[in-house]
């Protein structure tokens, strides 16, 4: 989740980072995630998403 929040901060600032963090936590609460395997899958998907976003980021010059 830290990588996603950092990416959101780089792209949109503090409010975007807060929104991403809140959305991630809210989705886990709404899905009532309690099993360690489910948490691991969600964290893995977040890592893949963050890596893909960071890999496709182009500097604007």
Protein backbone atom coordinates (compact mmCIF):
# COMPACT_ATOMS: atom_id res chain seq x y z
CA UNK A 1 0.00 0.00 0.00
CA UNK A 2 2.92 2.33 0.63
CA UNK A 3 4.01 2.11 -3.00
CA UNK A 4 0.51 2.96 -4.21
CA UNK A 5 0.27 5.91 -1.82
CA UNK A 6 3.70 7.17 -2.91
CA UNK A 7 2.71 6.88 -6.57
CA UNK A 8 -0.53 8.74 -5.86
CA UNK A 9 1.43 11.43 -4.02
CA UNK A 10 3.83 11.87 -6.95
CA UNK A 11 0.99 12.08 -9.46
CA UNK A 12 -1.64 14.04 -7.54
CA UNK A 13 -0.34 15.29 -4.22
CA UNK A 14 -1.31 14.80 -0.61
CA UNK A 15 -5.08 14.59 -1.09
CA UNK A 16 -4.73 11.91 -3.75
CA UNK A 17 -2.45 9.88 -1.52
CA UNK A 18 -4.94 10.14 1.35
CA UNK A 19 -7.78 9.08 -0.97
CA UNK A 20 -5.86 6.01 -2.18
CA UNK A 21 -5.01 4.99 1.37
CA UNK A 22 -8.62 5.44 2.50
CA UNK A 23 -9.98 3.53 -0.50
CA UNK A 24 -7.65 0.59 0.12
CA UNK A 25 -8.57 0.36 3.79
CA UNK A 26 -12.26 0.82 3.05
CA UNK A 27 -12.23 -1.97 0.47
CA UNK A 28 -10.68 -4.38 2.98
CA UNK A 29 -13.26 -3.42 5.62
CA UNK A 30 -16.19 -3.66 3.21
CA UNK A 31 -15.02 -7.07 2.02
CA UNK A 32 -14.59 -8.12 5.69
CA UNK A 33 -11.14 -9.49 4.98
CA UNK A 34 -9.92 -11.49 7.95
CA UNK A 35 -8.09 -14.48 6.54
CA UNK A 36 -4.30 -14.19 6.18
CA UNK A 37 -4.37 -15.76 2.72
CA UNK A 38 -6.88 -13.19 1.47
CA UNK A 39 -4.82 -10.35 2.91
CA UNK A 40 -1.72 -11.74 1.20
CA UNK A 41 -3.52 -11.92 -2.16
CA UNK A 42 -4.73 -8.33 -1.84
CA UNK A 43 -1.25 -7.11 -0.90
CA UNK A 44 0.20 -9.02 -3.85
CA UNK A 45 -2.28 -7.39 -6.23
CA UNK A 46 -1.39 -3.99 -4.81
CA UNK A 47 2.31 -4.67 -5.33
CA UNK A 48 1.74 -5.72 -8.95
CA UNK A 49 -0.42 -2.65 -9.59
CA UNK A 50 2.10 -0.29 -8.01
CA UNK A 51 4.98 -1.84 -9.96
CA UNK A 52 3.06 -1.55 -13.23
CA UNK A 53 2.17 2.08 -12.53
CA UNK A 54 5.72 2.99 -11.57
CA UNK A 55 7.11 1.21 -14.63
CA UNK A 56 4.84 3.13 -17.00
CA UNK A 57 5.38 6.53 -15.39
CA UNK A 58 6.89 9.04 -17.79
CA UNK A 59 8.56 12.21 -16.62
CA UNK A 60 6.90 15.34 -17.95
CA UNK A 61 9.49 17.78 -19.22
